[in-house]
Structure formats: C-alpha cells, structure tokens
Amino acid sequence: MTTIRIDLPDALAREAAGAGLFEPTCLAQIFERQLRTRAFRAWIGQVSAPSEDEPPMEEIQAEIDAYREERRAARRRTAGA
C-alpha cells in the first residue's frame, strides 16, 4: 500500500472529505477511472489518426467527383442518342 500526500485549498479539502472522497476505496476508484479514461483517449487518438498509407480526403473526394462526372456524361450521351 502506498501513502500519498496532496495539498488542496482548505475549502476543497473540506468539501471532498464531507463527500467521502478521501476514503481509500473512493480514491482508488477515482484513480482507476482516470487511468481508464486516459488510456481510452490515447487509443481513440491512435485509431482516428490517419495512416501514412491512407490517401488524403481531398484526393478521395476528387476521385468520387470524377467518377460521378463520368457517369453523368455517359447518361447524357445515352439520352442524346
């Protein structure tokens, strides 16, 4: 078991103590939740970061636009024939 010492403003310390936040089980839950949250945010950052192999969105959109224009032109040719 590890003992920690923290310095808090008196009013905050009184409020936290009154809410039972200094109980060992409560403090453990607070730290565990914070660690899980930070790990989750780090994971989300890794998952959502673009890959070096992935083309930029502008390039993808340009390909989609070009395909759509080809389809429109083909329909115009077919309708005009």
PDB file of N, CA and C in Angstrom:
ATOM      1  N   MET A   1       0.858  -1.176   0.000  1.00  0.00           N
ATOM      2  CA  MET A   1       0.000   0.000   0.000  1.00  0.00           C
ATOM      3  C   MET A   1       0.897   1.229   0.000  1.00  0.00           C
ATOM      4  N   THR A   2       0.528   2.230  -0.779  1.00  0.00           N
ATOM      5  CA  THR A   2       1.285   3.465  -0.882  1.00  0.00           C
ATOM      6  C   THR A   2       0.511   4.595  -0.224  1.00  0.00           C
ATOM      7  N   THR A   3       1.214   5.452   0.456  1.00  0.00           N
ATOM      8  CA  THR A   3       0.613   6.638   1.066  1.00  0.00           C
ATOM      9  C   THR A   3       0.969   7.837   0.212  1.00  0.00           C
ATOM     10  N   ILE A   4      -0.025   8.683  -0.060  1.00  0.00           N
ATOM     11  CA  ILE A   4       0.234   9.896  -0.834  1.00  0.00           C
ATOM     12  C   ILE A   4      -0.161  11.113  -0.010  1.00  0.00           C
ATOM     13  N   ARG A   5       0.480  12.218  -0.319  1.00  0.00           N
ATOM     14  CA  ARG A   5       0.153  13.479   0.344  1.00  0.00           C
ATOM     15  C   ARG A   5      -0.175  14.476  -0.755  1.00  0.00           C
ATOM     16  N   ILE A   6      -1.320  15.150  -0.602  1.00  0.00           N
ATOM     17  CA  ILE A   6      -1.690  16.171  -1.574  1.00  0.00           C
ATOM     18  C   ILE A   6      -2.008  17.463  -0.832  1.00  0.00           C
ATOM     19  N   ASP A   7      -1.719  18.557  -1.478  1.00  0.00           N
ATOM     20  CA  ASP A   7      -2.047  19.869  -0.930  1.00  0.00           C
ATOM     21  C   ASP A   7      -3.226  20.417  -1.704  1.00  0.00           C
ATOM     22  N   LEU A   8      -4.301  20.719  -0.975  1.00  0.00           N
ATOM     23  CA  LEU A   8      -5.510  21.256  -1.585  1.00  0.00           C
ATOM     24  C   LEU A   8      -5.921  22.523  -0.853  1.00  0.00           C
ATOM     25  N   PRO A   9      -6.647  23.391  -1.521  1.00  0.00           N
ATOM     26  CA  PRO A   9      -7.230  24.516  -0.803  1.00  0.00           C
ATOM     27  C   PRO A   9      -8.156  23.989   0.298  1.00  0.00           C
ATOM     28  N   ASP A  10      -8.188  24.675   1.429  1.00  0.00           N
ATOM     29  CA  ASP A  10      -8.956  24.190   2.582  1.00  0.00           C
ATOM     30  C   ASP A  10     -10.419  23.917   2.252  1.00  0.00           C
ATOM     31  N   ALA A  11     -11.064  24.827   1.535  1.00  0.00           N
ATOM     32  CA  ALA A  11     -12.482  24.655   1.222  1.00  0.00           C
ATOM     33  C   ALA A  11     -12.711  23.405   0.379  1.00  0.00           C
ATOM     34  N   LEU A  12     -11.850  23.184  -0.585  1.00  0.00           N
ATOM     35  CA  LEU A  12     -11.971  21.999  -1.432  1.00  0.00           C
ATOM     36  C   LEU A  12     -11.742  20.731  -0.617  1.00  0.00           C
ATOM     37  N   ALA A  13     -10.751  20.762   0.261  1.00  0.00           N
ATOM     38  CA  ALA A  13     -10.468  19.595   1.100  1.00  0.00           C
ATOM     39  C   ALA A  13     -11.654  19.277   2.006  1.00  0.00           C
ATOM     40  N   ARG A  14     -12.271  20.297   2.596  1.00  0.00           N
ATOM     41  CA  ARG A  14     -13.442  20.068   3.464  1.00  0.00           C
ATOM     42  C   ARG A  14     -14.597  19.472   2.660  1.00  0.00           C
ATOM     43  N   GLU A  15     -14.844  20.022   1.483  1.00  0.00           N
ATOM     44  CA  GLU A  15     -15.941  19.525   0.652  1.00  0.00           C
ATOM     45  C   GLU A  15     -15.692  18.081   0.218  1.00  0.00           C
ATOM     46  N   ALA A  16     -14.470  17.792  -0.195  1.00  0.00           N
ATOM     47  CA  ALA A  16     -14.121  16.426  -0.618  1.00  0.00           C
ATOM     48  C   ALA A  16     -14.235  15.458   0.548  1.00  0.00           C
ATOM     49  N   ALA A  17     -13.753  15.860   1.713  1.00  0.00           N
ATOM     50  CA  ALA A  17     -13.849  14.994   2.897  1.00  0.00           C
ATOM     51  C   ALA A  17     -15.309  14.760   3.257  1.00  0.00           C
ATOM     52  N   GLY A  18     -16.118  15.802   3.202  1.00  0.00           N
ATOM     53  CA  GLY A  18     -17.539  15.668   3.508  1.00  0.00           C
ATOM     54  C   GLY A  18     -18.259  14.743   2.539  1.00  0.00           C
ATOM     55  N   ALA A  19     -17.795  14.685   1.304  1.00  0.00           N
ATOM     56  CA  ALA A  19     -18.404  13.816   0.298  1.00  0.00           C
ATOM     57  C   ALA A  19     -17.833  12.401   0.342  1.00  0.00           C
ATOM     58  N   GLY A  20     -16.871  12.166   1.242  1.00  0.00           N
ATOM     59  CA  GLY A  20     -16.285  10.833   1.363  1.00  0.00           C
ATOM     60  C   GLY A  20     -15.255  10.515   0.291  1.00  0.00           C
ATOM     61  N   LEU A  21     -14.757  11.527  -0.389  1.00  0.00           N
ATOM     62  CA  LEU A  21     -13.819  11.283  -1.485  1.00  0.00           C
ATOM     63  C   LEU A  21     -12.431  10.865  -1.025  1.00  0.00           C
ATOM     64  N   PHE A  22     -12.128  11.050   0.250  1.00  0.00           N
ATOM     65  CA  PHE A  22     -10.810  10.670   0.756  1.00  0.00           C
ATOM     66  C   PHE A  22     -10.769   9.236   1.269  1.00  0.00           C
ATOM     67  N   GLU A  23     -11.883   8.533   1.194  1.00  0.00           N
ATOM     68  CA  GLU A  23     -11.894   7.124   1.603  1.00  0.00           C
ATOM     69  C   GLU A  23     -11.032   6.340   0.621  1.00  0.00           C
ATOM     70  N   PRO A  24     -10.228   5.406   1.116  1.00  0.00           N
ATOM     71  CA  PRO A  24      -9.320   4.665   0.221  1.00  0.00           C
ATOM     72  C   PRO A  24     -10.013   4.019  -0.977  1.00  0.00           C
ATOM     73  N   THR A  25     -11.172   3.418  -0.761  1.00  0.00           N
ATOM     74  CA  THR A  25     -11.855   2.767  -1.895  1.00  0.00           C
ATOM     75  C   THR A  25     -12.326   3.801  -2.913  1.00  0.00           C
ATOM     76  N   CYS A  26     -12.778   4.951  -2.440  1.00  0.00           N
ATOM     77  CA  CYS A  26     -13.225   6.003  -3.348  1.00  0.00           C
ATOM     78  C   CYS A  26     -12.047   6.565  -4.138  1.00  0.00           C
ATOM     79  N   LEU A  27     -10.945   6.834  -3.462  1.00  0.00           N
ATOM     80  CA  LEU A  27      -9.750   7.337  -4.148  1.00  0.00           C
ATOM     81  C   LEU A  27      -9.251   6.334  -5.181  1.00  0.00           C
ATOM     82  N   ALA A  28      -9.272   5.068  -4.835  1.00  0.00           N
ATOM     83  CA  ALA A  28      -8.839   4.034  -5.795  1.00  0.00           C
ATOM     84  C   ALA A  28      -9.737   4.050  -7.025  1.00  0.00           C
ATOM     85  N   GLN A  29     -11.051   4.185  -6.826  1.00  0.00           N
ATOM     86  CA  GLN A  29     -11.978   4.236  -7.959  1.00  0.00           C
ATOM     87  C   GLN A  29     -11.720   5.468  -8.826  1.00  0.00           C
ATOM     88  N   ILE A  30     -11.461   6.602  -8.183  1.00  0.00           N
ATOM     89  CA  ILE A  30     -11.193   7.833  -8.926  1.00  0.00           C
ATOM     90  C   ILE A  30      -9.951   7.661  -9.795  1.00  0.00           C
ATOM     91  N   PHE A  31      -8.869   7.137  -9.201  1.00  0.00           N
ATOM     92  CA  PHE A  31      -7.629   6.942  -9.961  1.00  0.00           C
ATOM     93  C   PHE A  31      -7.808   5.920 -11.080  1.00  0.00           C
ATOM     94  N   GLU A  32      -8.496   4.822 -10.789  1.00  0.00           N
ATOM     95  CA  GLU A  32      -8.721   3.795 -11.812  1.00  0.00           C
ATOM     96  C   GLU A  32      -9.533   4.346 -12.977  1.00  0.00           C
ATOM     97  N   ARG A  33     -10.588   5.096 -12.671  1.00  0.00           N
ATOM     98  CA  ARG A  33     -11.427   5.676 -13.716  1.00  0.00           C
ATOM     99  C   ARG A  33     -10.619   6.653 -14.575  1.00  0.00           C
ATOM    100  N   GLN A  34      -9.800   7.460 -13.919  1.00  0.00           N
ATOM    101  CA  GLN A  34      -8.981   8.430 -14.651  1.00  0.00           C
ATOM    102  C   GLN A  34      -7.971   7.718 -15.564  1.00  0.00           C
ATOM    103  N   LEU A  35      -7.362   6.658 -15.058  1.00  0.00           N
ATOM    104  CA  LEU A  35      -6.405   5.901 -15.868  1.00  0.00           C
ATOM    105  C   LEU A  35      -7.081   5.250 -17.073  1.00  0.00           C
ATOM    106  N   ARG A  36      -8.278   4.690 -16.865  1.00  0.00           N
ATOM    107  CA  ARG A  36      -9.022   4.084 -17.978  1.00  0.00           C
ATOM    108  C   ARG A  36      -9.398   5.141 -19.009  1.00  0.00           C
ATOM    109  N   THR A  37      -9.837   6.305 -18.537  1.00  0.00           N
ATOM    110  CA  THR A  37     -10.223   7.385 -19.436  1.00  0.00           C
ATOM    111  C   THR A  37      -9.040   7.837 -20.273  1.00  0.00           C
ATOM    112  N   ARG A  38      -7.891   8.012 -19.632  1.00  0.00           N
ATOM    113  CA  ARG A  38      -6.705   8.443 -20.375  1.00  0.00           C
ATOM    114  C   ARG A  38      -6.262   7.386 -21.377  1.00  0.00           C
ATOM    115  N   ALA A  39      -6.326   6.119 -20.987  1.00  0.00           N
ATOM    116  CA  ALA A  39      -5.950   5.038 -21.902  1.00  0.00           C
ATOM    117  C   ALA A  39      -6.911   4.999 -23.088  1.00  0.00           C
ATOM    118  N   PHE A  40      -8.208   5.181 -22.818  1.00  0.00           N
ATOM    119  CA  PHE A  40      -9.206   5.175 -23.883  1.00  0.00           C
ATOM    120  C   PHE A  40      -8.966   6.334 -24.844  1.00  0.00           C
ATOM    121  N   ARG A  41      -8.698   7.527 -24.307  1.00  0.00           N
ATOM    122  CA  ARG A  41      -8.454   8.686 -25.167  1.00  0.00           C
ATOM    123  C   ARG A  41      -7.198   8.494 -26.009  1.00  0.00           C
ATOM    124  N   ALA A  42      -6.189   7.895 -25.445  1.00  0.00           N
ATOM    125  CA  ALA A  42      -4.965   7.620 -26.206  1.00  0.00           C
ATOM    126  C   ALA A  42      -5.258   6.626 -27.322  1.00  0.00           C
ATOM    127  N   TRP A  43      -6.046   5.605 -27.020  1.00  0.00           N
ATOM    128  CA  TRP A  43      -6.408   4.609 -28.026  1.00  0.00           C
ATOM    129  C   TRP A  43      -7.217   5.254 -29.144  1.00  0.00           C
ATOM    130  N   ILE A  44      -8.195   6.105 -28.790  1.00  0.00           N
ATOM    131  CA  ILE A  44      -9.008   6.795 -29.792  1.00  0.00           C
ATOM    132  C   ILE A  44      -8.112   7.650 -30.683  1.00  0.00           C
ATOM    133  N   GLY A  45      -7.126   8.313 -30.091  1.00  0.00           N
ATOM    134  CA  GLY A  45      -6.206   9.128 -30.869  1.00  0.00           C
ATOM    135  C   GLY A  45      -5.431   8.306 -31.883  1.00  0.00           C
ATOM    136  N   GLN A  46      -5.048   7.096 -31.490  1.00  0.00           N
ATOM    137  CA  GLN A  46      -4.306   6.225 -32.398  1.00  0.00           C
ATOM    138  C   GLN A  46      -5.201   5.690 -33.499  1.00  0.00           C
ATOM    139  N   VAL A  47      -6.419   5.317 -33.138  1.00  0.00           N
ATOM    140  CA  VAL A  47      -7.341   4.727 -34.105  1.00  0.00           C
ATOM    141  C   VAL A  47      -7.806   5.768 -35.115  1.00  0.00           C
ATOM    142  N   SER A  48      -8.042   6.990 -34.659  1.00  0.00           N
ATOM    143  CA  SER A  48      -8.587   8.005 -35.551  1.00  0.00           C
ATOM    144  C   SER A  48      -7.521   8.770 -36.328  1.00  0.00           C
ATOM    145  N   ALA A  49      -6.259   8.575 -35.986  1.00  0.00           N
ATOM    146  CA  ALA A  49      -5.189   9.264 -36.720  1.00  0.00           C
ATOM    147  C   ALA A  49      -5.070   8.664 -38.113  1.00  0.00           C
ATOM    148  N   PRO A  50      -4.945   9.515 -39.129  1.00  0.00           N
ATOM    149  CA  PRO A  50      -4.823   8.971 -40.483  1.00  0.00           C
ATOM    150  C   PRO A  50      -3.531   8.176 -40.654  1.00  0.00           C
ATOM    151  N   SER A  51      -3.646   7.115 -41.408  1.00  0.00           N
ATOM    152  CA  SER A  51      -2.493   6.271 -41.705  1.00  0.00           C
ATOM    153  C   SER A  51      -1.645   6.936 -42.778  1.00  0.00           C
ATOM    154  N   GLU A  52      -0.341   6.655 -42.777  1.00  0.00           N
ATOM    155  CA  GLU A  52       0.531   7.204 -43.816  1.00  0.00           C
ATOM    156  C   GLU A  52       0.176   6.634 -45.185  1.00  0.00           C
ATOM    157  N   ASP A  53      -0.384   5.422 -45.209  1.00  0.00           N
ATOM    158  CA  ASP A  53      -0.752   4.780 -46.469  1.00  0.00           C
ATOM    159  C   ASP A  53      -2.092   5.280 -46.990  1.00  0.00           C
ATOM    160  N   GLU A  54      -2.855   5.937 -46.149  1.00  0.00           N
ATOM    161  CA  GLU A  54      -4.192   6.373 -46.500  1.00  0.00           C
ATOM    162  C   GLU A  54      -4.130   7.677 -47.310  1.00  0.00           C
ATOM    163  N   PRO A  55      -4.816   7.728 -48.455  1.00  0.00           N
ATOM    164  CA  PRO A  55      -4.791   8.973 -49.235  1.00  0.00           C
ATOM    165  C   PRO A  55      -5.557  10.068 -48.493  1.00  0.00           C
ATOM    166  N   PRO A  56      -5.200  11.316 -48.738  1.00  0.00           N
ATOM    167  CA  PRO A  56      -5.911  12.409 -48.074  1.00  0.00           C
ATOM    168  C   PRO A  56      -7.365  12.483 -48.540  1.00  0.00           C
ATOM    169  N   MET A  57      -8.246  13.002 -47.700  1.00  0.00           N
ATOM    170  CA  MET A  57      -9.664  13.081 -48.017  1.00  0.00           C
ATOM    171  C   MET A  57      -9.916  13.860 -49.307  1.00  0.00           C
ATOM    172  N   GLU A  58      -9.117  14.883 -49.568  1.00  0.00           N
ATOM    173  CA  GLU A  58      -9.304  15.671 -50.787  1.00  0.00           C
ATOM    174  C   GLU A  58      -9.110  14.809 -52.032  1.00  0.00           C
ATOM    175  N   GLU A  59      -8.119  13.918 -51.974  1.00  0.00           N
ATOM    176  CA  GLU A  59      -7.854  13.026 -53.097  1.00  0.00           C
ATOM    177  C   GLU A  59      -8.997  12.030 -53.288  1.00  0.00           C
ATOM    178  N   ILE A  60      -9.492  11.502 -52.194  1.00  0.00           N
ATOM    179  CA  ILE A  60     -10.619  10.566 -52.261  1.00  0.00           C
ATOM    180  C   ILE A  60     -11.835  11.270 -52.852  1.00  0.00           C
ATOM    181  N   GLN A  61     -12.114  12.491 -52.366  1.00  0.00           N
ATOM    182  CA  GLN A  61     -13.269  13.228 -52.869  1.00  0.00           C
ATOM    183  C   GLN A  61     -13.108  13.552 -54.344  1.00  0.00           C
ATOM    184  N   ALA A  62     -11.908  13.887 -54.795  1.00  0.00           N
ATOM    185  CA  ALA A  62     -11.670  14.178 -56.211  1.00  0.00           C
ATOM    186  C   ALA A  62     -11.959  12.946 -57.063  1.00  0.00           C
ATOM    187  N   GLU A  63     -11.591  11.766 -56.576  1.00  0.00           N
ATOM    188  CA  GLU A  63     -11.874  10.525 -57.309  1.00  0.00           C
ATOM    189  C   GLU A  63     -13.380  10.287 -57.395  1.00  0.00           C
ATOM    190  N   ILE A  64     -14.085  10.509 -56.316  1.00  0.00           N
ATOM    191  CA  ILE A  64     -15.543  10.336 -56.300  1.00  0.00           C
ATOM    192  C   ILE A  64     -16.190  11.308 -57.272  1.00  0.00           C
ATOM    193  N   ASP A  65     -15.761  12.574 -57.228  1.00  0.00           N
ATOM    194  CA  ASP A  65     -16.316  13.585 -58.126  1.00  0.00           C
ATOM    195  C   ASP A  65     -16.061  13.218 -59.583  1.00  0.00           C
ATOM    196  N   ALA A  66     -14.859  12.742 -59.900  1.00  0.00           N
ATOM    197  CA  ALA A  66     -14.529  12.361 -61.271  1.00  0.00           C
ATOM    198  C   ALA A  66     -15.400  11.193 -61.728  1.00  0.00           C
ATOM    199  N   TYR A  67     -15.599  10.212 -60.863  1.00  0.00           N
ATOM    200  CA  TYR A  67     -16.453   9.065 -61.194  1.00  0.00           C
ATOM    201  C   TYR A  67     -17.883   9.528 -61.468  1.00  0.00           C
ATOM    202  N   ARG A  68     -18.403  10.389 -60.613  1.00  0.00           N
ATOM    203  CA  ARG A  68     -19.768  10.879 -60.790  1.00  0.00           C
ATOM    204  C   ARG A  68     -19.912  11.655 -62.102  1.00  0.00           C
ATOM    205  N   GLU A  69     -18.916  12.455 -62.426  1.00  0.00           N
ATOM    206  CA  GLU A  69     -18.962  13.209 -63.674  1.00  0.00           C
ATOM    207  C   GLU A  69     -18.931  12.271 -64.880  1.00  0.00           C
ATOM    208  N   GLU A  70     -18.139  11.220 -64.815  1.00  0.00           N
ATOM    209  CA  GLU A  70     -18.108  10.227 -65.898  1.00  0.00           C
ATOM    210  C   GLU A  70     -19.483   9.586 -66.076  1.00  0.00           C
ATOM    211  N   ARG A  71     -20.131   9.266 -64.977  1.00  0.00           N
ATOM    212  CA  ARG A  71     -21.470   8.654 -65.033  1.00  0.00           C
ATOM    213  C   ARG A  71     -22.482   9.621 -65.645  1.00  0.00           C
ATOM    214  N   ARG A  72     -22.417  10.894 -65.232  1.00  0.00           N
ATOM    215  CA  ARG A  72     -23.335  11.899 -65.791  1.00  0.00           C
ATOM    216  C   ARG A  72     -23.117  12.040 -67.301  1.00  0.00           C
ATOM    217  N   ALA A  73     -21.849  12.104 -67.708  1.00  0.00           N
ATOM    218  CA  ALA A  73     -21.535  12.247 -69.127  1.00  0.00           C
ATOM    219  C   ALA A  73     -22.050  11.037 -69.905  1.00  0.00           C
ATOM    220  N   ALA A  74     -21.912   9.856 -69.355  1.00  0.00           N
ATOM    221  CA  ALA A  74     -22.383   8.639 -70.021  1.00  0.00           C
ATOM    222  C   ALA A  74     -23.901   8.678 -70.149  1.00  0.00           C
ATOM    223  N   ARG A  75     -24.595   9.146 -69.120  1.00  0.00           N
ATOM    224  CA  ARG A  75     -26.070   9.247 -69.187  1.00  0.00           C
ATOM    225  C   ARG A  75     -26.511  10.276 -70.231  1.00  0.00           C
ATOM    226  N   ARG A  76     -25.758  11.396 -70.294  1.00  0.00           N
ATOM    227  CA  ARG A  76     -26.085  12.418 -71.293  1.00  0.00           C
ATOM    228  C   ARG A  76     -25.908  11.864 -72.700  1.00  0.00           C
ATOM    229  N   ARG A  77     -24.819  11.107 -72.922  1.00  0.00           N
ATOM    230  CA  ARG A  77     -24.569  10.511 -74.240  1.00  0.00           C
ATOM    231  C   ARG A  77     -25.689   9.520 -74.596  1.00  0.00           C
ATOM    232  N   THR A  78     -26.102   8.718 -73.624  1.00  0.00           N
ATOM    233  CA  THR A  78     -27.128   7.714 -73.842  1.00  0.00           C
ATOM    234  C   THR A  78     -28.491   8.399 -74.108  1.00  0.00           C
ATOM    235  N   ALA A  79     -28.777   9.454 -73.358  1.00  0.00           N
ATOM    236  CA  ALA A  79     -30.048  10.151 -73.523  1.00  0.00           C
ATOM    237  C   ALA A  79     -30.100  10.899 -74.857  1.00  0.00           C
ATOM    238  N   GLY A  80     -28.966  11.383 -75.323  1.00  0.00           N
ATOM    239  CA  GLY A  80     -28.907  12.131 -76.583  1.00  0.00           C
ATOM    240  C   GLY A  80     -28.884  11.260 -77.815  1.00  0.00           C
ATOM    241  N   ALA A  81     -28.659   9.967 -77.645  1.00  0.00           N
ATOM    242  CA  ALA A  81     -28.538   9.070 -78.807  1.00  0.00           C
ATOM    243  C   ALA A  81     -29.857   8.639 -79.332  1.00  0.00           C
TER     244      ALA A  81
END
